[in-house]
Amino acid sequence: MHGDEALDLALHADALCRTFGVDIIFTAQYTDISRIAHETTHLKVFAQHMDANPVGRGVGAVLPEALKQAGAVGVLLNHAEKPLSLSVLNETIRRADEVGLATLVCAATVAESAAVAVMEPNVVLAESPALIGGGKRSDDDALEVERINAAVRTVGKDILVLHGAGISDEHDVYQIIRSGADGTGSTSAIMRAADPKDMLSRMIEAMSRAHRERTTD
């Protein structure tokens, strides 16, 4: 998704932020960051990747300062489709810190989530590669949510823990929040829905409801 289509969904997400009082991270194509950032007021616009290069030489590299100036407030790192070694990941997180970009770092397992947490990102996004792109969650995956939550929070209690991959609808969102996660991530379920805006609305409503119920239990 890019261009006008991405902006249309971003504006809808921005309205949901106001309606439900939630934060939504919208990972945008580099070429859409400036437009989306300037036409929304509540959305957290993140880049889908960046490089740790300093200002200077580096044709084709994604410069942290350029993302910040374009209006991004954070960056997604170490996605399964854009993996980084631990040393490069740590260097990239430090560069993001330098320029004031929040870091949302993907991890595949309990052990990797804990290792990533040691680098002090703002958010860990746990995504099992087997579930990315439309896999179905099981009872074992629900237990994994709780184990990852505990592993990350043992390292850094202020690090937010999100769970993505295998999020097929609002029911998955509800269960993950009830399992103690701070949020969820979803792409394919929204993009493949007959009505992406409606799917996003249902997911955000479910997330908000699960958070309310969790705080009153």
C-alpha atoms as a PDB file:
ATOM      1  CA  MET A   1       0.000   0.000   0.000  1.00  0.00           C
ATOM      2  CA  HIS A   2       1.325   3.423  -0.924  1.00  0.00           C
ATOM      3  CA  GLY A   3       0.347   6.867  -2.145  1.00  0.00           C
ATOM      4  CA  ASP A   4      -3.294   7.938  -1.960  1.00  0.00           C
ATOM      5  CA  GLU A   5      -4.430   4.531  -0.713  1.00  0.00           C
ATOM      6  CA  ALA A   6      -1.989   4.649   2.202  1.00  0.00           C
ATOM      7  CA  LEU A   7      -3.010   8.199   3.085  1.00  0.00           C
ATOM      8  CA  ASP A   8      -6.687   7.239   3.054  1.00  0.00           C
ATOM      9  CA  LEU A   9      -6.102   4.419   5.546  1.00  0.00           C
ATOM     10  CA  ALA A  10      -3.828   6.638   7.636  1.00  0.00           C
ATOM     11  CA  LEU A  11      -6.530   9.296   7.939  1.00  0.00           C
ATOM     12  CA  HIS A  12      -8.987   6.631   9.073  1.00  0.00           C
ATOM     13  CA  ALA A  13      -6.477   5.356  11.635  1.00  0.00           C
ATOM     14  CA  ASP A  14      -5.930   8.921  12.833  1.00  0.00           C
ATOM     15  CA  ALA A  15      -9.658   9.268  13.474  1.00  0.00           C
ATOM     16  CA  LEU A  16      -9.645   5.998  15.433  1.00  0.00           C
ATOM     17  CA  CYS A  17      -6.890   7.386  17.654  1.00  0.00           C
ATOM     18  CA  ARG A  18      -9.204  10.238  18.600  1.00  0.00           C
ATOM     19  CA  THR A  19     -12.291   8.062  19.024  1.00  0.00           C
ATOM     20  CA  PHE A  20     -10.716   5.405  21.230  1.00  0.00           C
ATOM     21  CA  GLY A  21      -7.898   7.383  22.844  1.00  0.00           C
ATOM     22  CA  VAL A  22      -5.229   4.954  21.644  1.00  0.00           C
ATOM     23  CA  ASP A  23      -1.840   5.212  19.974  1.00  0.00           C
ATOM     24  CA  ILE A  24      -1.560   3.671  16.506  1.00  0.00           C
ATOM     25  CA  ILE A  25       1.809   3.121  14.841  1.00  0.00           C
ATOM     26  CA  PHE A  26       1.547   3.396  11.056  1.00  0.00           C
ATOM     27  CA  THR A  27       4.575   2.049   9.186  1.00  0.00           C
ATOM     28  CA  ALA A  28       4.776   3.909   5.901  1.00  0.00           C
ATOM     29  CA  GLN A  29       6.791   3.720   2.710  1.00  0.00           C
ATOM     30  CA  TYR A  30       9.654   6.229   2.797  1.00  0.00           C
ATOM     31  CA  THR A  31       8.038   8.268   0.023  1.00  0.00           C
ATOM     32  CA  ASP A  32       4.766   8.560   1.968  1.00  0.00           C
ATOM     33  CA  ILE A  33       6.157   9.527   5.375  1.00  0.00           C
ATOM     34  CA  SER A  34       6.128  13.298   4.903  1.00  0.00           C
ATOM     35  CA  ARG A  35       2.624  13.452   3.441  1.00  0.00           C
ATOM     36  CA  ILE A  36       1.063  11.175   6.054  1.00  0.00           C
ATOM     37  CA  ALA A  37       2.887  12.849   8.938  1.00  0.00           C
ATOM     38  CA  HIS A  38       1.744  16.303   7.873  1.00  0.00           C
ATOM     39  CA  GLU A  39      -1.887  15.338   7.196  1.00  0.00           C
ATOM     40  CA  THR A  40      -2.502  13.445  10.460  1.00  0.00           C
ATOM     41  CA  THR A  41      -2.415  14.719  14.020  1.00  0.00           C
ATOM     42  CA  HIS A  42      -2.489  11.680  16.335  1.00  0.00           C
ATOM     43  CA  LEU A  43      -0.911   8.883  14.298  1.00  0.00           C
ATOM     44  CA  LYS A  44       2.615   7.685  15.116  1.00  0.00           C
ATOM     45  CA  VAL A  45       4.266   7.526  11.692  1.00  0.00           C
ATOM     46  CA  PHE A  46       7.177   5.073  11.560  1.00  0.00           C
ATOM     47  CA  ALA A  47       9.605   4.259   8.762  1.00  0.00           C
ATOM     48  CA  GLN A  48       9.807   0.615   7.706  1.00  0.00           C
ATOM     49  CA  HIS A  49      13.617   0.511   8.093  1.00  0.00           C
ATOM     50  CA  MET A  50      16.660   2.747   8.356  1.00  0.00           C
ATOM     51  CA  ASP A  51      20.430   2.459   8.174  1.00  0.00           C
ATOM     52  CA  ALA A  52      22.960   3.472  10.811  1.00  0.00           C
ATOM     53  CA  ASN A  53      25.012   5.578   8.371  1.00  0.00           C
ATOM     54  CA  PRO A  54      26.208   8.995   9.544  1.00  0.00           C
ATOM     55  CA  VAL A  55      25.541  12.061   7.449  1.00  0.00           C
ATOM     56  CA  GLY A  56      27.900  11.983   4.468  1.00  0.00           C
ATOM     57  CA  ARG A  57      28.711   9.224   2.004  1.00  0.00           C
ATOM     58  CA  GLY A  58      26.132   6.480   1.529  1.00  0.00           C
ATOM     59  CA  VAL A  59      24.193   6.434  -1.752  1.00  0.00           C
ATOM     60  CA  GLY A  60      20.958   4.513  -1.300  1.00  0.00           C
ATOM     61  CA  ALA A  61      21.184   4.360   2.493  1.00  0.00           C
ATOM     62  CA  VAL A  62      18.177   5.457   4.549  1.00  0.00           C
ATOM     63  CA  LEU A  63      19.497   8.296   6.698  1.00  0.00           C
ATOM     64  CA  PRO A  64      18.026   8.677  10.227  1.00  0.00           C
ATOM     65  CA  GLU A  65      18.160  12.474  10.062  1.00  0.00           C
ATOM     66  CA  ALA A  66      16.218  12.439   6.787  1.00  0.00           C
ATOM     67  CA  LEU A  67      13.458  10.287   8.285  1.00  0.00           C
ATOM     68  CA  LYS A  68      13.191  12.609  11.265  1.00  0.00           C
ATOM     69  CA  GLN A  69      13.005  15.690   9.060  1.00  0.00           C
ATOM     70  CA  ALA A  70      10.339  14.036   6.889  1.00  0.00           C
ATOM     71  CA  GLY A  71       8.101  13.694   9.936  1.00  0.00           C
ATOM     72  CA  ALA A  72       8.689  10.138  11.141  1.00  0.00           C
ATOM     73  CA  VAL A  73       8.637   9.714  14.921  1.00  0.00           C
ATOM     74  CA  GLY A  74      10.035   6.186  14.903  1.00  0.00           C
ATOM     75  CA  VAL A  75      11.380   3.292  12.887  1.00  0.00           C
ATOM     76  CA  LEU A  76      10.653  -0.418  12.508  1.00  0.00           C
ATOM     77  CA  LEU A  77      13.794  -2.561  12.659  1.00  0.00           C
ATOM     78  CA  ASN A  78      14.728  -6.214  12.168  1.00  0.00           C
ATOM     79  CA  HIS A  79      11.544  -7.275  10.390  1.00  0.00           C
ATOM     80  CA  ALA A  80      11.663 -10.825   9.025  1.00  0.00           C
ATOM     81  CA  GLU A  81      11.885  -9.340   5.524  1.00  0.00           C
ATOM     82  CA  LYS A  82      14.687  -6.952   6.562  1.00  0.00           C
ATOM     83  CA  PRO A  83      16.725  -8.772   9.251  1.00  0.00           C
ATOM     84  CA  LEU A  84      19.787  -7.273  10.938  1.00  0.00           C
ATOM     85  CA  SER A  85      22.629  -8.896  12.834  1.00  0.00           C
ATOM     86  CA  LEU A  86      22.630  -8.152  16.560  1.00  0.00           C
ATOM     87  CA  SER A  87      25.653  -5.860  16.226  1.00  0.00           C
ATOM     88  CA  VAL A  88      24.133  -3.857  13.367  1.00  0.00           C
ATOM     89  CA  LEU A  89      20.780  -3.759  15.148  1.00  0.00           C
ATOM     90  CA  ASN A  90      22.372  -2.349  18.288  1.00  0.00           C
ATOM     91  CA  GLU A  91      24.232   0.279  16.250  1.00  0.00           C
ATOM     92  CA  THR A  92      21.030   1.248  14.436  1.00  0.00           C
ATOM     93  CA  ILE A  93      19.060   1.582  17.675  1.00  0.00           C
ATOM     94  CA  ARG A  94      21.781   3.882  19.022  1.00  0.00           C
ATOM     95  CA  ARG A  95      21.585   6.039  15.871  1.00  0.00           C
ATOM     96  CA  ALA A  96      17.824   6.269  16.266  1.00  0.00           C
ATOM     97  CA  ASP A  97      18.351   7.391  19.859  1.00  0.00           C
ATOM     98  CA  GLU A  98      20.766  10.082  18.641  1.00  0.00           C
ATOM     99  CA  VAL A  99      18.204  11.703  16.360  1.00  0.00           C
ATOM    100  CA  GLY A 100      15.159  11.136  18.576  1.00  0.00           C
ATOM    101  CA  LEU A 101      13.418   8.334  16.683  1.00  0.00           C
ATOM    102  CA  ALA A 102      11.552   5.692  18.682  1.00  0.00           C
ATOM    103  CA  THR A 103      12.509   2.098  17.899  1.00  0.00           C
ATOM    104  CA  LEU A 104      10.094  -0.773  17.260  1.00  0.00           C
ATOM    105  CA  VAL A 105      12.211  -3.926  16.976  1.00  0.00           C
ATOM    106  CA  CYS A 106      10.978  -7.290  15.732  1.00  0.00           C
ATOM    107  CA  ALA A 107      11.959 -10.570  17.389  1.00  0.00           C
ATOM    108  CA  ALA A 108      10.954 -14.138  16.564  1.00  0.00           C
ATOM    109  CA  THR A 109      11.374 -16.069  19.823  1.00  0.00           C
ATOM    110  CA  VAL A 110      11.487 -15.692  23.594  1.00  0.00           C
ATOM    111  CA  ALA A 111      15.291 -15.734  23.548  1.00  0.00           C
ATOM    112  CA  GLU A 112      15.554 -13.204  20.730  1.00  0.00           C
ATOM    113  CA  SER A 113      12.996 -10.941  22.405  1.00  0.00           C
ATOM    114  CA  ALA A 114      15.088 -10.928  25.585  1.00  0.00           C
ATOM    115  CA  ALA A 115      18.287 -10.277  23.598  1.00  0.00           C
ATOM    116  CA  VAL A 116      16.651  -7.373  21.784  1.00  0.00           C
ATOM    117  CA  ALA A 117      15.338  -5.957  25.066  1.00  0.00           C
ATOM    118  CA  VAL A 118      18.926  -5.687  26.350  1.00  0.00           C
ATOM    119  CA  MET A 119      19.508  -3.101  23.578  1.00  0.00           C
ATOM    120  CA  GLU A 120      16.785  -0.917  25.147  1.00  0.00           C
ATOM    121  CA  PRO A 121      14.443  -0.280  22.224  1.00  0.00           C
ATOM    122  CA  ASN A 122      11.177   1.466  22.967  1.00  0.00           C
ATOM    123  CA  VAL A 123       9.064  -1.439  21.751  1.00  0.00           C
ATOM    124  CA  VAL A 124       9.623  -5.145  21.069  1.00  0.00           C
ATOM    125  CA  LEU A 125       7.325  -6.615  18.413  1.00  0.00           C
ATOM    126  CA  ALA A 126       7.260 -10.404  18.695  1.00  0.00           C
ATOM    127  CA  GLU A 127       6.476 -12.107  15.390  1.00  0.00           C
ATOM    128  CA  SER A 128       6.877 -15.824  14.746  1.00  0.00           C
ATOM    129  CA  PRO A 129       8.058 -16.299  11.122  1.00  0.00           C
ATOM    130  CA  ALA A 130       5.713 -19.283  10.801  1.00  0.00           C
ATOM    131  CA  LEU A 131       2.723 -17.006  11.392  1.00  0.00           C
ATOM    132  CA  ILE A 132       3.716 -14.025   9.238  1.00  0.00           C
ATOM    133  CA  GLY A 133       1.436 -13.457   6.270  1.00  0.00           C
ATOM    134  CA  GLY A 134      -1.665 -15.282   7.447  1.00  0.00           C
ATOM    135  CA  GLY A 135      -0.798 -18.140   9.808  1.00  0.00           C
ATOM    136  CA  LYS A 136      -3.341 -19.167  12.431  1.00  0.00           C
ATOM    137  CA  ARG A 137      -2.623 -18.842  16.137  1.00  0.00           C
ATOM    138  CA  SER A 138      -2.918 -21.832  18.503  1.00  0.00           C
ATOM    139  CA  ASP A 139      -2.993 -22.397  22.268  1.00  0.00           C
ATOM    140  CA  ASP A 140       0.801 -22.806  22.177  1.00  0.00           C
ATOM    141  CA  ASP A 141       1.089 -19.360  20.601  1.00  0.00           C
ATOM    142  CA  ALA A 142      -0.995 -17.923  23.449  1.00  0.00           C
ATOM    143  CA  LEU A 143       1.470 -19.348  25.973  1.00  0.00           C
ATOM    144  CA  GLU A 144       4.326 -17.886  23.936  1.00  0.00           C
ATOM    145  CA  VAL A 145       2.757 -14.434  24.305  1.00  0.00           C
ATOM    146  CA  GLU A 146       2.960 -14.708  28.084  1.00  0.00           C
ATOM    147  CA  ARG A 147       6.536 -16.043  28.018  1.00  0.00           C
ATOM    148  CA  ILE A 148       7.732 -13.239  25.750  1.00  0.00           C
ATOM    149  CA  ASN A 149       5.970 -10.591  27.838  1.00  0.00           C
ATOM    150  CA  ALA A 150       7.758 -11.891  30.941  1.00  0.00           C
ATOM    151  CA  ALA A 151      11.154 -12.191  29.215  1.00  0.00           C
ATOM    152  CA  VAL A 152      11.111  -8.616  27.924  1.00  0.00           C
ATOM    153  CA  ARG A 153       9.785  -7.068  31.130  1.00  0.00           C
ATOM    154  CA  THR A 154      12.393  -8.881  33.201  1.00  0.00           C
ATOM    155  CA  VAL A 155      15.047  -7.038  31.184  1.00  0.00           C
ATOM    156  CA  GLY A 156      13.297  -3.673  30.942  1.00  0.00           C
ATOM    157  CA  LYS A 157       9.982  -2.925  32.615  1.00  0.00           C
ATOM    158  CA  ASP A 158       9.473   0.228  30.535  1.00  0.00           C
ATOM    159  CA  ILE A 159       9.794  -1.561  27.178  1.00  0.00           C
ATOM    160  CA  LEU A 160       6.420  -2.032  25.499  1.00  0.00           C
ATOM    161  CA  VAL A 161       5.637  -5.518  24.184  1.00  0.00           C
ATOM    162  CA  LEU A 162       3.564  -5.975  21.027  1.00  0.00           C
ATOM    163  CA  HIS A 163       2.674  -9.235  19.294  1.00  0.00           C
ATOM    164  CA  GLY A 164       2.103  -9.562  15.559  1.00  0.00           C
ATOM    165  CA  ALA A 165       1.910 -12.323  12.927  1.00  0.00           C
ATOM    166  CA  GLY A 166      -1.102 -14.585  12.834  1.00  0.00           C
ATOM    167  CA  ILE A 167      -3.434 -11.703  13.712  1.00  0.00           C
ATOM    168  CA  SER A 168      -6.363 -12.588  11.477  1.00  0.00           C
ATOM    169  CA  ASP A 169      -9.159 -10.513  13.015  1.00  0.00           C
ATOM    170  CA  GLU A 170     -10.374  -8.598  16.047  1.00  0.00           C
ATOM    171  CA  HIS A 171     -10.735 -11.795  18.089  1.00  0.00           C
ATOM    172  CA  ASP A 172      -6.975 -12.417  17.893  1.00  0.00           C
ATOM    173  CA  VAL A 173      -6.351  -8.817  18.926  1.00  0.00           C
ATOM    174  CA  TYR A 174      -8.638  -9.217  21.935  1.00  0.00           C
ATOM    175  CA  GLN A 175      -6.965 -12.432  23.106  1.00  0.00           C
ATOM    176  CA  ILE A 176      -3.447 -11.018  22.810  1.00  0.00           C
ATOM    177  CA  ILE A 177      -4.289  -7.930  24.855  1.00  0.00           C
ATOM    178  CA  ARG A 178      -6.044 -10.070  27.462  1.00  0.00           C
ATOM    179  CA  SER A 179      -2.848 -12.153  27.636  1.00  0.00           C
ATOM    180  CA  GLY A 180      -0.960  -9.094  28.865  1.00  0.00           C
ATOM    181  CA  ALA A 181       0.494  -7.545  25.716  1.00  0.00           C
ATOM    182  CA  ASP A 182       0.622  -3.771  25.331  1.00  0.00           C
ATOM    183  CA  GLY A 183      -0.601  -3.981  21.741  1.00  0.00           C
ATOM    184  CA  THR A 184      -0.628  -5.937  18.506  1.00  0.00           C
ATOM    185  CA  GLY A 185       0.637  -5.514  14.975  1.00  0.00           C
ATOM    186  CA  SER A 186      -1.176  -6.489  11.802  1.00  0.00           C
ATOM    187  CA  THR A 187      -0.666  -5.995   8.092  1.00  0.00           C
ATOM    188  CA  SER A 188      -1.949  -8.877   5.982  1.00  0.00           C
ATOM    189  CA  ALA A 189      -5.315  -9.207   7.750  1.00  0.00           C
ATOM    190  CA  ILE A 190      -6.034  -5.533   7.116  1.00  0.00           C
ATOM    191  CA  MET A 191      -4.695  -5.442   3.566  1.00  0.00           C
ATOM    192  CA  ARG A 192      -6.548  -8.607   2.534  1.00  0.00           C
ATOM    193  CA  ALA A 193      -9.858  -7.663   4.141  1.00  0.00           C
ATOM    194  CA  ALA A 194     -12.804  -6.853   1.889  1.00  0.00           C
ATOM    195  CA  ASP A 195     -12.959  -3.525   3.750  1.00  0.00           C
ATOM    196  CA  PRO A 196      -9.573  -2.643   5.316  1.00  0.00           C
ATOM    197  CA  LYS A 197     -10.988   0.341   7.196  1.00  0.00           C
ATOM    198  CA  ASP A 198     -13.709  -1.774   8.776  1.00  0.00           C
ATOM    199  CA  MET A 199     -11.193  -4.445   9.797  1.00  0.00           C
ATOM    200  CA  LEU A 200      -8.936  -1.819  11.367  1.00  0.00           C
ATOM    201  CA  SER A 201     -11.893  -0.304  13.222  1.00  0.00           C
ATOM    202  CA  ARG A 202     -12.899  -3.692  14.634  1.00  0.00           C
ATOM    203  CA  MET A 203      -9.338  -4.420  15.716  1.00  0.00           C
ATOM    204  CA  ILE A 204      -8.938  -1.088  17.504  1.00  0.00           C
ATOM    205  CA  GLU A 205     -12.302  -1.456  19.242  1.00  0.00           C
ATOM    206  CA  ALA A 206     -11.312  -4.948  20.425  1.00  0.00           C
ATOM    207  CA  MET A 207      -7.950  -3.691  21.678  1.00  0.00           C
ATOM    208  CA  SER A 208      -9.560  -0.832  23.584  1.00  0.00           C
ATOM    209  CA  ARG A 209     -12.173  -3.132  25.124  1.00  0.00           C
ATOM    210  CA  ALA A 210      -9.592  -5.726  26.174  1.00  0.00           C
ATOM    211  CA  HIS A 211      -7.449  -3.049  27.847  1.00  0.00           C
ATOM    212  CA  ARG A 212     -10.457  -1.716  29.764  1.00  0.00           C
ATOM    213  CA  GLU A 213     -11.459  -5.177  30.925  1.00  0.00           C
ATOM    214  CA  ARG A 214      -7.905  -6.015  31.960  1.00  0.00           C
ATOM    215  CA  THR A 215      -7.646  -2.948  34.168  1.00  0.00           C
ATOM    216  CA  THR A 216     -10.908  -3.757  35.954  1.00  0.00           C
ATOM    217  CA  ASP A 217     -10.264  -7.476  36.554  1.00  0.00           C
END
